[in-house]
Amino acid sequence: MPIDPSRYRLCLVTDREIGHGRPLVEVVMRAVAGGVTMVQLREKTAPTRAILEEARALKAALAGHGVPLVVNDRADIAVAIGADGVHVGQTDLPVEAVRAVVGPGMAIGLSITDAEQIARADAGAADYLGIGPVHPQKTKADASAPLGLGGFARLRRMTGKPVLAIGGVKADDVPMLVEEGATGVAVVSAIMGAQDPEAAARLFAAAWASETR
């Protein structure tokens, strides 16, 4: 089944290199306890088998929590473990090719950085879009120039699809992002790099709750 859009609200994007040496599953589950509603496994450099095992471990840990697991880039691994979705960038497999691999029942997310991309994506098969980076990013050396909150708002108005804001997003940004129609936020360093991932996630969850009461 496609992911319930309410689960897009607080997506944790993993980055083991900023997790202070802690096991990835431990950091993720502490963040889930703090209010994370979706998890995106992002592993750019690990061997395929290691990514597969990590994905299986996360899928098992998240079972029963109602938190969907999305795999970054690797449609093959997403299918192999029965993930809830796969997220791709502009230089990865095209969304139509991903759909041919994963079938109709798996959510597909697509990263967007400019107006030309969003115009194409709005007519395409992606289920949700990740628009950013909103702010400068520490976790992606090849990140595009930051859009700023105003740039995010401009692109968001160009699509009717669910949209996650990504890229250096902080809890303080949530009020304006909600005002501009964000369906959710995708967070990396503010949670993965926190000494207390649960407390960091609670800040975002509380910000969403206060804006959507």
N, C-alpha and C. Protein backbone atom coordinates (compact mmCIF):
# COMPACT_ATOMS: atom_id res chain seq x y z
N MET A 1 0.84 -1.20 0.00
CA MET A 1 0.00 0.00 0.00
C MET A 1 0.87 1.25 0.00
N PRO A 2 0.43 2.34 -0.66
CA PRO A 2 1.16 3.60 -0.58
C PRO A 2 1.24 4.08 0.87
N ILE A 3 2.25 4.91 1.13
CA ILE A 3 2.43 5.43 2.48
C ILE A 3 1.35 6.47 2.78
N ASP A 4 0.75 6.38 3.95
CA ASP A 4 -0.21 7.38 4.41
C ASP A 4 0.52 8.72 4.49
N PRO A 5 0.03 9.77 3.82
CA PRO A 5 0.73 11.06 3.84
C PRO A 5 0.99 11.61 5.24
N SER A 6 0.21 11.20 6.23
CA SER A 6 0.46 11.67 7.59
C SER A 6 1.80 11.17 8.12
N ARG A 7 2.33 10.10 7.53
CA ARG A 7 3.61 9.55 7.97
C ARG A 7 4.79 10.36 7.42
N TYR A 8 4.54 11.24 6.46
CA TYR A 8 5.61 12.07 5.90
C TYR A 8 6.04 13.18 6.86
N ARG A 9 5.30 13.38 7.91
CA ARG A 9 5.48 14.57 8.75
C ARG A 9 6.91 14.73 9.25
N LEU A 10 7.51 13.68 9.77
CA LEU A 10 8.87 13.78 10.30
C LEU A 10 9.67 12.57 9.83
N CYS A 11 10.39 12.75 8.73
CA CYS A 11 11.19 11.68 8.13
C CYS A 11 12.64 11.81 8.56
N LEU A 12 13.16 10.77 9.16
CA LEU A 12 14.58 10.72 9.53
C LEU A 12 15.36 10.09 8.38
N VAL A 13 16.35 10.82 7.86
CA VAL A 13 17.24 10.30 6.82
C VAL A 13 18.54 9.91 7.50
N THR A 14 18.94 8.65 7.35
CA THR A 14 20.07 8.15 8.12
C THR A 14 21.41 8.60 7.55
N ASP A 15 22.38 8.74 8.44
CA ASP A 15 23.78 9.00 8.09
C ASP A 15 24.62 8.46 9.23
N ARG A 16 25.16 7.27 9.04
CA ARG A 16 25.89 6.61 10.13
C ARG A 16 27.15 7.38 10.54
N GLU A 17 27.70 8.17 9.63
CA GLU A 17 28.97 8.83 9.92
C GLU A 17 28.85 9.95 10.94
N ILE A 18 27.64 10.42 11.21
CA ILE A 18 27.49 11.48 12.21
C ILE A 18 26.76 10.98 13.46
N GLY A 19 26.67 9.66 13.59
CA GLY A 19 25.93 9.07 14.71
C GLY A 19 26.75 8.81 15.95
N HIS A 20 27.95 9.42 16.04
CA HIS A 20 28.80 9.28 17.23
C HIS A 20 29.16 7.83 17.50
N GLY A 21 29.30 7.03 16.45
CA GLY A 21 29.74 5.65 16.60
C GLY A 21 28.70 4.69 17.13
N ARG A 22 27.48 5.16 17.32
CA ARG A 22 26.42 4.30 17.86
C ARG A 22 25.84 3.44 16.75
N PRO A 23 25.32 2.25 17.08
CA PRO A 23 24.67 1.42 16.07
C PRO A 23 23.51 2.17 15.42
N LEU A 24 23.40 2.04 14.11
CA LEU A 24 22.38 2.80 13.38
C LEU A 24 20.98 2.49 13.88
N VAL A 25 20.68 1.22 14.10
CA VAL A 25 19.34 0.85 14.54
C VAL A 25 19.02 1.49 15.89
N GLU A 26 20.02 1.58 16.76
CA GLU A 26 19.81 2.20 18.08
C GLU A 26 19.43 3.67 17.93
N VAL A 27 20.16 4.41 17.09
CA VAL A 27 19.87 5.83 16.89
C VAL A 27 18.48 6.01 16.30
N VAL A 28 18.17 5.19 15.30
CA VAL A 28 16.87 5.30 14.64
C VAL A 28 15.73 5.04 15.61
N MET A 29 15.84 4.00 16.41
CA MET A 29 14.74 3.66 17.31
C MET A 29 14.59 4.68 18.43
N ARG A 30 15.67 5.30 18.85
CA ARG A 30 15.54 6.38 19.83
C ARG A 30 14.81 7.57 19.20
N ALA A 31 15.11 7.84 17.93
CA ALA A 31 14.42 8.92 17.24
C ALA A 31 12.94 8.60 17.04
N VAL A 32 12.64 7.35 16.75
CA VAL A 32 11.24 6.93 16.62
C VAL A 32 10.50 7.15 17.94
N ALA A 33 11.17 6.85 19.04
CA ALA A 33 10.55 7.08 20.35
C ALA A 33 10.25 8.56 20.57
N GLY A 34 11.02 9.43 19.90
CA GLY A 34 10.80 10.86 20.03
C GLY A 34 9.78 11.43 19.07
N GLY A 35 9.29 10.61 18.15
CA GLY A 35 8.24 11.10 17.26
C GLY A 35 8.50 11.01 15.78
N VAL A 36 9.62 10.42 15.36
CA VAL A 36 9.87 10.23 13.93
C VAL A 36 8.77 9.35 13.34
N THR A 37 8.23 9.74 12.19
CA THR A 37 7.09 9.03 11.59
C THR A 37 7.45 8.26 10.32
N MET A 38 8.67 8.46 9.80
CA MET A 38 9.14 7.72 8.63
C MET A 38 10.65 7.69 8.67
N VAL A 39 11.25 6.63 8.14
CA VAL A 39 12.71 6.50 8.12
C VAL A 39 13.16 6.23 6.70
N GLN A 40 14.17 6.99 6.27
CA GLN A 40 14.79 6.76 4.97
C GLN A 40 16.22 6.28 5.19
N LEU A 41 16.50 5.05 4.78
CA LEU A 41 17.85 4.51 4.89
C LEU A 41 18.69 5.03 3.73
N ARG A 42 19.70 5.83 4.06
CA ARG A 42 20.59 6.35 3.03
C ARG A 42 22.01 5.87 3.30
N GLU A 43 22.50 5.02 2.42
CA GLU A 43 23.86 4.48 2.51
C GLU A 43 24.50 4.63 1.14
N LYS A 44 25.44 5.55 1.01
CA LYS A 44 26.04 5.84 -0.29
C LYS A 44 27.31 5.04 -0.56
N THR A 45 28.00 4.59 0.48
CA THR A 45 29.32 4.00 0.26
C THR A 45 29.44 2.55 0.71
N ALA A 46 28.50 2.05 1.48
CA ALA A 46 28.59 0.68 1.99
C ALA A 46 28.40 -0.34 0.87
N PRO A 47 28.99 -1.53 1.00
CA PRO A 47 28.77 -2.59 0.01
C PRO A 47 27.29 -2.99 -0.02
N THR A 48 26.87 -3.52 -1.15
CA THR A 48 25.47 -3.88 -1.34
C THR A 48 24.96 -4.82 -0.26
N ARG A 49 25.74 -5.84 0.06
CA ARG A 49 25.27 -6.80 1.07
C ARG A 49 25.10 -6.13 2.43
N ALA A 50 26.00 -5.22 2.77
CA ALA A 50 25.90 -4.52 4.05
C ALA A 50 24.64 -3.65 4.08
N ILE A 51 24.32 -3.00 2.97
CA ILE A 51 23.09 -2.20 2.91
C ILE A 51 21.87 -3.09 3.06
N LEU A 52 21.90 -4.25 2.41
CA LEU A 52 20.79 -5.19 2.51
C LEU A 52 20.55 -5.62 3.95
N GLU A 53 21.63 -5.96 4.65
CA GLU A 53 21.48 -6.40 6.05
C GLU A 53 21.01 -5.26 6.94
N GLU A 54 21.52 -4.06 6.69
CA GLU A 54 21.08 -2.90 7.48
C GLU A 54 19.60 -2.64 7.25
N ALA A 55 19.18 -2.75 6.00
CA ALA A 55 17.77 -2.53 5.67
C ALA A 55 16.89 -3.57 6.34
N ARG A 56 17.32 -4.82 6.33
CA ARG A 56 16.55 -5.88 7.00
C ARG A 56 16.44 -5.62 8.50
N ALA A 57 17.56 -5.19 9.09
CA ALA A 57 17.55 -4.93 10.53
C ALA A 57 16.60 -3.78 10.87
N LEU A 58 16.62 -2.74 10.07
CA LEU A 58 15.72 -1.61 10.32
C LEU A 58 14.26 -2.01 10.11
N LYS A 59 14.00 -2.77 9.07
CA LYS A 59 12.64 -3.21 8.80
C LYS A 59 12.10 -4.01 9.98
N ALA A 60 12.92 -4.91 10.52
CA ALA A 60 12.50 -5.71 11.67
C ALA A 60 12.28 -4.85 12.90
N ALA A 61 13.18 -3.88 13.13
CA ALA A 61 13.07 -3.03 14.32
C ALA A 61 11.83 -2.14 14.25
N LEU A 62 11.48 -1.70 13.06
CA LEU A 62 10.34 -0.78 12.90
C LEU A 62 9.00 -1.50 12.86
N ALA A 63 9.03 -2.80 12.66
CA ALA A 63 7.79 -3.58 12.58
C ALA A 63 6.98 -3.38 13.86
N GLY A 64 5.72 -3.08 13.72
CA GLY A 64 4.86 -2.88 14.88
C GLY A 64 4.80 -1.46 15.37
N HIS A 65 5.65 -0.58 14.83
CA HIS A 65 5.65 0.83 15.26
C HIS A 65 4.86 1.73 14.31
N GLY A 66 4.42 1.18 13.18
CA GLY A 66 3.68 1.99 12.22
C GLY A 66 4.52 3.02 11.51
N VAL A 67 5.85 2.81 11.49
CA VAL A 67 6.78 3.76 10.87
C VAL A 67 7.30 3.16 9.56
N PRO A 68 6.95 3.75 8.41
CA PRO A 68 7.40 3.21 7.13
C PRO A 68 8.91 3.34 6.95
N LEU A 69 9.47 2.39 6.20
CA LEU A 69 10.89 2.42 5.85
C LEU A 69 11.02 2.63 4.35
N VAL A 70 11.79 3.66 3.99
CA VAL A 70 12.08 3.98 2.59
C VAL A 70 13.58 3.77 2.38
N VAL A 71 13.95 3.15 1.28
CA VAL A 71 15.35 2.91 0.95
C VAL A 71 15.80 3.92 -0.09
N ASN A 72 16.93 4.56 0.15
CA ASN A 72 17.45 5.55 -0.78
C ASN A 72 18.13 4.86 -1.97
N ASP A 73 17.79 5.27 -3.17
CA ASP A 73 18.44 4.84 -4.42
C ASP A 73 18.15 3.40 -4.83
N ARG A 74 18.24 2.45 -3.89
CA ARG A 74 18.32 1.04 -4.22
C ARG A 74 16.95 0.39 -4.29
N ALA A 75 16.34 0.45 -5.48
CA ALA A 75 15.04 -0.19 -5.67
C ALA A 75 15.12 -1.69 -5.48
N ASP A 76 16.26 -2.28 -5.85
CA ASP A 76 16.42 -3.73 -5.70
C ASP A 76 16.36 -4.15 -4.24
N ILE A 77 17.03 -3.39 -3.39
CA ILE A 77 17.03 -3.71 -1.96
C ILE A 77 15.66 -3.43 -1.36
N ALA A 78 15.02 -2.36 -1.79
CA ALA A 78 13.67 -2.06 -1.29
C ALA A 78 12.73 -3.22 -1.57
N VAL A 79 12.80 -3.77 -2.77
CA VAL A 79 11.95 -4.91 -3.12
C VAL A 79 12.34 -6.14 -2.30
N ALA A 80 13.63 -6.38 -2.16
CA ALA A 80 14.11 -7.58 -1.47
C ALA A 80 13.64 -7.66 -0.03
N ILE A 81 13.55 -6.52 0.65
CA ILE A 81 13.17 -6.55 2.07
C ILE A 81 11.71 -6.18 2.29
N GLY A 82 10.99 -5.86 1.22
CA GLY A 82 9.60 -5.44 1.38
C GLY A 82 9.47 -4.09 2.03
N ALA A 83 10.33 -3.14 1.63
CA ALA A 83 10.26 -1.78 2.17
C ALA A 83 8.96 -1.11 1.73
N ASP A 84 8.65 -0.01 2.38
CA ASP A 84 7.44 0.74 2.06
C ASP A 84 7.64 1.70 0.90
N GLY A 85 8.90 2.02 0.62
CA GLY A 85 9.14 2.96 -0.46
C GLY A 85 10.60 3.00 -0.85
N VAL A 86 10.87 3.74 -1.92
CA VAL A 86 12.23 3.98 -2.39
C VAL A 86 12.31 5.45 -2.79
N HIS A 87 13.45 6.08 -2.48
CA HIS A 87 13.63 7.50 -2.79
C HIS A 87 14.81 7.64 -3.74
N VAL A 88 14.62 8.40 -4.81
CA VAL A 88 15.67 8.57 -5.80
C VAL A 88 15.94 10.05 -6.06
N GLY A 89 17.16 10.29 -6.56
CA GLY A 89 17.55 11.64 -6.93
C GLY A 89 17.48 11.84 -8.43
N GLN A 90 17.89 13.02 -8.86
CA GLN A 90 17.79 13.36 -10.28
C GLN A 90 18.76 12.58 -11.15
N THR A 91 19.84 12.05 -10.59
CA THR A 91 20.81 11.29 -11.38
C THR A 91 20.68 9.79 -11.17
N ASP A 92 19.69 9.36 -10.41
CA ASP A 92 19.45 7.93 -10.21
C ASP A 92 18.52 7.41 -11.30
N LEU A 93 18.04 6.17 -11.15
CA LEU A 93 17.07 5.63 -12.09
C LEU A 93 15.87 6.57 -12.22
N PRO A 94 15.37 6.79 -13.43
CA PRO A 94 14.15 7.59 -13.58
C PRO A 94 12.99 6.94 -12.83
N VAL A 95 12.06 7.78 -12.39
CA VAL A 95 10.93 7.28 -11.61
C VAL A 95 10.17 6.19 -12.35
N GLU A 96 9.99 6.35 -13.65
CA GLU A 96 9.24 5.35 -14.42
C GLU A 96 9.96 4.00 -14.39
N ALA A 97 11.30 4.01 -14.45
CA ALA A 97 12.06 2.77 -14.38
C ALA A 97 11.97 2.15 -12.99
N VAL A 98 12.00 3.00 -11.97
CA VAL A 98 11.85 2.51 -10.60
C VAL A 98 10.48 1.85 -10.43
N ARG A 99 9.45 2.48 -10.98
CA ARG A 99 8.11 1.91 -10.87
C ARG A 99 8.04 0.53 -11.51
N ALA A 100 8.75 0.35 -12.62
CA ALA A 100 8.77 -0.95 -13.28
C ALA A 100 9.42 -2.01 -12.40
N VAL A 101 10.36 -1.59 -11.56
CA VAL A 101 11.05 -2.53 -10.67
C VAL A 101 10.21 -2.84 -9.43
N VAL A 102 9.64 -1.81 -8.82
CA VAL A 102 9.00 -2.00 -7.51
C VAL A 102 7.51 -2.32 -7.60
N GLY A 103 6.89 -2.07 -8.76
CA GLY A 103 5.47 -2.34 -8.88
C GLY A 103 4.62 -1.18 -8.39
N PRO A 104 3.30 -1.35 -8.43
CA PRO A 104 2.39 -0.24 -8.13
C PRO A 104 2.19 0.04 -6.64
N GLY A 105 2.56 -0.89 -5.78
CA GLY A 105 2.21 -0.75 -4.37
C GLY A 105 3.23 -0.06 -3.50
N MET A 106 4.40 0.28 -4.04
CA MET A 106 5.47 0.89 -3.24
C MET A 106 5.57 2.38 -3.54
N ALA A 107 5.69 3.18 -2.50
CA ALA A 107 5.82 4.63 -2.68
C ALA A 107 7.17 4.98 -3.29
N ILE A 108 7.17 5.99 -4.14
CA ILE A 108 8.42 6.48 -4.74
C ILE A 108 8.53 7.97 -4.44
N GLY A 109 9.67 8.35 -3.86
CA GLY A 109 9.97 9.75 -3.61
C GLY A 109 11.04 10.24 -4.56
N LEU A 110 11.02 11.51 -4.88
CA LEU A 110 11.97 12.10 -5.83
C LEU A 110 12.50 13.42 -5.29
N SER A 111 13.83 13.59 -5.34
CA SER A 111 14.45 14.84 -4.90
C SER A 111 14.32 15.92 -5.97
N ILE A 112 14.03 17.13 -5.52
CA ILE A 112 13.80 18.27 -6.41
C ILE A 112 14.64 19.45 -5.93
N THR A 113 15.32 20.12 -6.87
CA THR A 113 16.12 21.28 -6.49
C THR A 113 15.76 22.55 -7.27
N ASP A 114 14.97 22.43 -8.34
CA ASP A 114 14.66 23.63 -9.12
C ASP A 114 13.31 23.52 -9.81
N ALA A 115 12.90 24.61 -10.44
CA ALA A 115 11.57 24.70 -11.04
C ALA A 115 11.41 23.77 -12.23
N GLU A 116 12.45 23.60 -13.02
CA GLU A 116 12.36 22.72 -14.19
C GLU A 116 12.09 21.28 -13.75
N GLN A 117 12.79 20.85 -12.72
CA GLN A 117 12.59 19.49 -12.21
C GLN A 117 11.18 19.30 -11.67
N ILE A 118 10.69 20.28 -10.95
CA ILE A 118 9.37 20.11 -10.32
C ILE A 118 8.26 20.14 -11.37
N ALA A 119 8.46 20.87 -12.45
CA ALA A 119 7.46 20.88 -13.52
C ALA A 119 7.33 19.49 -14.15
N ARG A 120 8.47 18.82 -14.34
CA ARG A 120 8.44 17.46 -14.88
C ARG A 120 7.86 16.49 -13.86
N ALA A 121 8.27 16.64 -12.61
CA ALA A 121 7.86 15.69 -11.58
C ALA A 121 6.37 15.76 -11.28
N ASP A 122 5.80 16.96 -11.40
CA ASP A 122 4.39 17.11 -11.06
C ASP A 122 3.50 16.28 -11.98
N ALA A 123 3.97 16.06 -13.20
CA ALA A 123 3.20 15.25 -14.15
C ALA A 123 3.66 13.79 -14.15
N GLY A 124 4.64 13.47 -13.32
CA GLY A 124 5.22 12.13 -13.32
C GLY A 124 4.61 11.21 -12.28
N ALA A 125 5.28 10.08 -12.08
CA ALA A 125 4.73 9.00 -11.27
C ALA A 125 5.20 8.99 -9.82
N ALA A 126 6.02 9.96 -9.42
CA ALA A 126 6.46 9.99 -8.02
C ALA A 126 5.28 10.25 -7.09
N ASP A 127 5.31 9.61 -5.93
CA ASP A 127 4.22 9.77 -4.96
C ASP A 127 4.43 10.99 -4.07
N TYR A 128 5.69 11.33 -3.80
CA TYR A 128 5.99 12.52 -3.00
C TYR A 128 7.31 13.10 -3.48
N LEU A 129 7.55 14.36 -3.14
CA LEU A 129 8.75 15.06 -3.56
C LEU A 129 9.51 15.59 -2.35
N GLY A 130 10.83 15.54 -2.42
CA GLY A 130 11.68 16.15 -1.41
C GLY A 130 12.30 17.40 -2.00
N ILE A 131 11.89 18.56 -1.53
CA ILE A 131 12.37 19.83 -2.08
C ILE A 131 13.46 20.41 -1.19
N GLY A 132 14.60 20.74 -1.81
CA GLY A 132 15.69 21.32 -1.04
C GLY A 132 16.96 21.41 -1.89
N PRO A 133 18.08 21.74 -1.24
CA PRO A 133 18.18 21.98 0.19
C PRO A 133 17.61 23.34 0.60
N VAL A 134 16.94 23.35 1.73
CA VAL A 134 16.41 24.61 2.25
C VAL A 134 17.55 25.48 2.76
N HIS A 135 18.47 24.87 3.51
CA HIS A 135 19.64 25.56 4.07
C HIS A 135 20.91 24.84 3.62
N PRO A 136 22.08 25.44 3.83
CA PRO A 136 23.33 24.74 3.52
C PRO A 136 23.39 23.39 4.25
N GLN A 137 23.95 22.37 3.58
CA GLN A 137 24.01 21.03 4.14
C GLN A 137 25.43 20.63 4.51
N LYS A 138 25.55 19.98 5.65
CA LYS A 138 26.85 19.45 6.08
C LYS A 138 27.03 18.00 5.66
N THR A 139 25.92 17.32 5.32
CA THR A 139 25.98 15.88 5.10
C THR A 139 26.06 15.48 3.64
N LYS A 140 26.03 16.44 2.71
CA LYS A 140 26.11 16.12 1.28
C LYS A 140 27.11 17.06 0.62
N ALA A 141 28.27 16.50 0.23
CA ALA A 141 29.31 17.33 -0.37
C ALA A 141 28.88 17.88 -1.73
N ASP A 142 27.98 17.16 -2.42
CA ASP A 142 27.56 17.57 -3.76
C ASP A 142 26.20 18.26 -3.76
N ALA A 143 25.81 18.80 -2.62
CA ALA A 143 24.48 19.42 -2.51
C ALA A 143 24.37 20.65 -3.40
N SER A 144 23.17 20.90 -3.89
CA SER A 144 22.89 22.09 -4.68
C SER A 144 22.89 23.32 -3.77
N ALA A 145 22.89 24.49 -4.40
CA ALA A 145 22.83 25.74 -3.62
C ALA A 145 21.52 25.79 -2.84
N PRO A 146 21.58 26.29 -1.60
CA PRO A 146 20.36 26.31 -0.78
C PRO A 146 19.28 27.21 -1.38
N LEU A 147 18.04 26.76 -1.25
CA LEU A 147 16.89 27.51 -1.77
C LEU A 147 16.45 28.62 -0.83
N GLY A 148 16.68 28.43 0.47
CA GLY A 148 16.10 29.32 1.45
C GLY A 148 14.62 28.99 1.63
N LEU A 149 14.02 29.53 2.67
CA LEU A 149 12.61 29.26 2.92
C LEU A 149 11.73 29.83 1.80
N GLY A 150 12.12 30.98 1.27
CA GLY A 150 11.35 31.57 0.18
C GLY A 150 11.40 30.74 -1.09
N GLY A 151 12.59 30.20 -1.39
CA GLY A 151 12.73 29.35 -2.57
C GLY A 151 11.95 28.06 -2.43
N PHE A 152 11.96 27.50 -1.21
CA PHE A 152 11.15 26.31 -0.97
C PHE A 152 9.68 26.62 -1.22
N ALA A 153 9.20 27.74 -0.69
CA ALA A 153 7.79 28.11 -0.84
C ALA A 153 7.41 28.26 -2.31
N ARG A 154 8.30 28.85 -3.09
CA ARG A 154 8.02 29.05 -4.52
C ARG A 154 7.85 27.71 -5.24
N LEU A 155 8.75 26.77 -4.96
CA LEU A 155 8.66 25.46 -5.62
C LEU A 155 7.47 24.67 -5.10
N ARG A 156 7.18 24.80 -3.81
CA ARG A 156 6.07 24.04 -3.26
C ARG A 156 4.74 24.42 -3.95
N ARG A 157 4.62 25.70 -4.28
CA ARG A 157 3.38 26.16 -4.92
C ARG A 157 3.21 25.62 -6.34
N MET A 158 4.25 25.00 -6.88
CA MET A 158 4.21 24.50 -8.25
C MET A 158 3.72 23.06 -8.36
N THR A 159 3.40 22.43 -7.25
CA THR A 159 2.98 21.03 -7.30
C THR A 159 1.86 20.76 -6.31
N GLY A 160 1.02 19.80 -6.67
CA GLY A 160 -0.02 19.35 -5.75
C GLY A 160 0.35 18.08 -5.02
N LYS A 161 1.55 17.55 -5.30
CA LYS A 161 1.98 16.33 -4.63
C LYS A 161 2.41 16.61 -3.20
N PRO A 162 2.40 15.59 -2.32
CA PRO A 162 2.97 15.77 -0.99
C PRO A 162 4.44 16.17 -1.09
N VAL A 163 4.87 17.08 -0.24
CA VAL A 163 6.22 17.64 -0.32
C VAL A 163 6.88 17.61 1.05
N LEU A 164 8.12 17.11 1.07
CA LEU A 164 8.96 17.17 2.27
C LEU A 164 10.04 18.21 2.04
N ALA A 165 10.27 19.06 3.03
CA ALA A 165 11.38 20.01 2.99
C ALA A 165 12.61 19.32 3.54
N ILE A 166 13.74 19.46 2.83
CA ILE A 166 14.97 18.80 3.27
C ILE A 166 16.15 19.73 3.09
N GLY A 167 17.18 19.51 3.90
CA GLY A 167 18.41 20.26 3.75
C GLY A 167 18.64 21.25 4.86
N GLY A 168 19.29 20.80 5.94
CA GLY A 168 19.60 21.70 7.05
C GLY A 168 18.39 22.18 7.81
N VAL A 169 17.27 21.47 7.70
CA VAL A 169 16.03 21.92 8.34
C VAL A 169 16.14 21.79 9.86
N LYS A 170 15.70 22.83 10.56
CA LYS A 170 15.70 22.85 12.02
C LYS A 170 14.26 22.96 12.52
N ALA A 171 14.08 22.62 13.78
CA ALA A 171 12.73 22.68 14.35
C ALA A 171 12.14 24.08 14.26
N ASP A 172 12.99 25.10 14.35
CA ASP A 172 12.52 26.49 14.26
C ASP A 172 11.94 26.83 12.89
N ASP A 173 12.29 26.03 11.87
CA ASP A 173 11.77 26.28 10.52
C ASP A 173 10.35 25.76 10.34
N VAL A 174 9.91 24.88 11.21
CA VAL A 174 8.63 24.19 11.00
C VAL A 174 7.45 25.14 10.83
N PRO A 175 7.30 26.19 11.66
CA PRO A 175 6.13 27.06 11.49
C PRO A 175 5.99 27.62 10.08
N MET A 176 7.08 28.14 9.51
CA MET A 176 6.98 28.70 8.17
C MET A 176 6.77 27.61 7.13
N LEU A 177 7.41 26.47 7.31
CA LEU A 177 7.24 25.38 6.35
C LEU A 177 5.80 24.89 6.33
N VAL A 178 5.19 24.80 7.50
CA VAL A 178 3.78 24.41 7.57
C VAL A 178 2.93 25.46 6.87
N GLU A 179 3.23 26.73 7.14
CA GLU A 179 2.47 27.83 6.52
C GLU A 179 2.55 27.77 5.00
N GLU A 180 3.71 27.33 4.49
CA GLU A 180 3.90 27.27 3.04
C GLU A 180 3.44 25.95 2.43
N GLY A 181 2.84 25.09 3.24
CA GLY A 181 2.22 23.89 2.69
C GLY A 181 3.06 22.64 2.70
N ALA A 182 4.16 22.63 3.45
CA ALA A 182 4.96 21.41 3.54
C ALA A 182 4.14 20.29 4.17
N THR A 183 4.24 19.11 3.58
CA THR A 183 3.59 17.93 4.14
C THR A 183 4.41 17.38 5.30
N GLY A 184 5.72 17.62 5.23
CA GLY A 184 6.61 17.13 6.27
C GLY A 184 8.01 17.67 6.08
N VAL A 185 8.90 17.23 6.95
CA VAL A 185 10.31 17.59 6.85
C VAL A 185 11.14 16.31 6.88
N ALA A 186 12.23 16.33 6.13
CA ALA A 186 13.20 15.23 6.15
C ALA A 186 14.45 15.75 6.84
N VAL A 187 14.85 15.10 7.91
CA VAL A 187 15.90 15.62 8.78
C VAL A 187 17.06 14.63 8.85
N VAL A 188 18.27 15.14 8.72
CA VAL A 188 19.46 14.30 8.83
C VAL A 188 20.22 14.69 10.10
N SER A 189 21.07 15.71 10.00
CA SER A 189 22.03 16.00 11.06
C SER A 189 21.40 16.44 12.37
N ALA A 190 20.29 17.16 12.32
CA ALA A 190 19.69 17.66 13.56
C ALA A 190 19.24 16.54 14.48
N ILE A 191 19.00 15.35 13.91
CA ILE A 191 18.62 14.20 14.74
C ILE A 191 19.73 13.16 14.78
N MET A 192 20.26 12.76 13.61
CA MET A 192 21.30 11.74 13.58
C MET A 192 22.55 12.18 14.34
N GLY A 193 22.87 13.48 14.27
CA GLY A 193 24.08 13.97 14.93
C GLY A 193 23.87 14.43 16.35
N ALA A 194 22.66 14.34 16.85
CA ALA A 194 22.37 14.80 18.21
C ALA A 194 22.87 13.80 19.25
N GLN A 195 23.32 14.31 20.38
CA GLN A 195 23.70 13.42 21.48
C GLN A 195 22.50 12.64 21.98
N ASP A 196 21.33 13.26 21.93
CA ASP A 196 20.08 12.61 22.35
C ASP A 196 19.09 12.65 21.18
N PRO A 197 19.10 11.63 20.31
CA PRO A 197 18.22 11.65 19.14
C PRO A 197 16.74 11.70 19.51
N GLU A 198 16.38 11.10 20.64
CA GLU A 198 14.97 11.13 21.05
C GLU A 198 14.53 12.55 21.37
N ALA A 199 15.35 13.27 22.15
CA ALA A 199 15.01 14.65 22.50
C ALA A 199 14.98 15.53 21.25
N ALA A 200 15.93 15.31 20.34
CA ALA A 200 15.97 16.10 19.11
C ALA A 200 14.71 15.87 18.28
N ALA A 201 14.29 14.62 18.18
CA ALA A 201 13.07 14.32 17.42
C ALA A 201 11.85 14.94 18.09
N ARG A 202 11.84 14.96 19.41
CA ARG A 202 10.70 15.54 20.13
C ARG A 202 10.54 17.03 19.81
N LEU A 203 11.64 17.73 19.60
CA LEU A 203 11.55 19.15 19.25
C LEU A 203 10.78 19.34 17.94
N PHE A 204 11.11 18.51 16.95
CA PHE A 204 10.40 18.59 15.67
C PHE A 204 8.94 18.18 15.82
N ALA A 205 8.71 17.08 16.54
CA ALA A 205 7.34 16.59 16.72
C ALA A 205 6.48 17.63 17.43
N ALA A 206 7.06 18.29 18.44
CA ALA A 206 6.32 19.31 19.18
C ALA A 206 6.03 20.51 18.29
N ALA A 207 6.99 20.87 17.44
CA ALA A 207 6.78 22.01 16.54
C ALA A 207 5.64 21.71 15.56
N TRP A 208 5.58 20.50 15.04
CA TRP A 208 4.48 20.13 14.15
C TRP A 208 3.15 20.15 14.89
N ALA A 209 3.16 19.59 16.09
CA ALA A 209 1.91 19.53 16.86
C ALA A 209 1.37 20.92 17.15
N SER A 210 2.26 21.87 17.47
CA SER A 210 1.80 23.22 17.81
C SER A 210 1.27 23.96 16.59
N GLU A 211 1.75 23.59 15.39
CA GLU A 211 1.32 24.28 14.18
C GLU A 211 0.08 23.68 13.55
N THR A 212 -0.25 22.45 13.92
CA THR A 212 -1.35 21.75 13.25
C THR A 212 -2.50 21.44 14.19
N ARG A 213 -2.48 22.03 15.39
CA ARG A 213 -3.59 21.82 16.34
C ARG A 213 -4.86 22.43 15.78
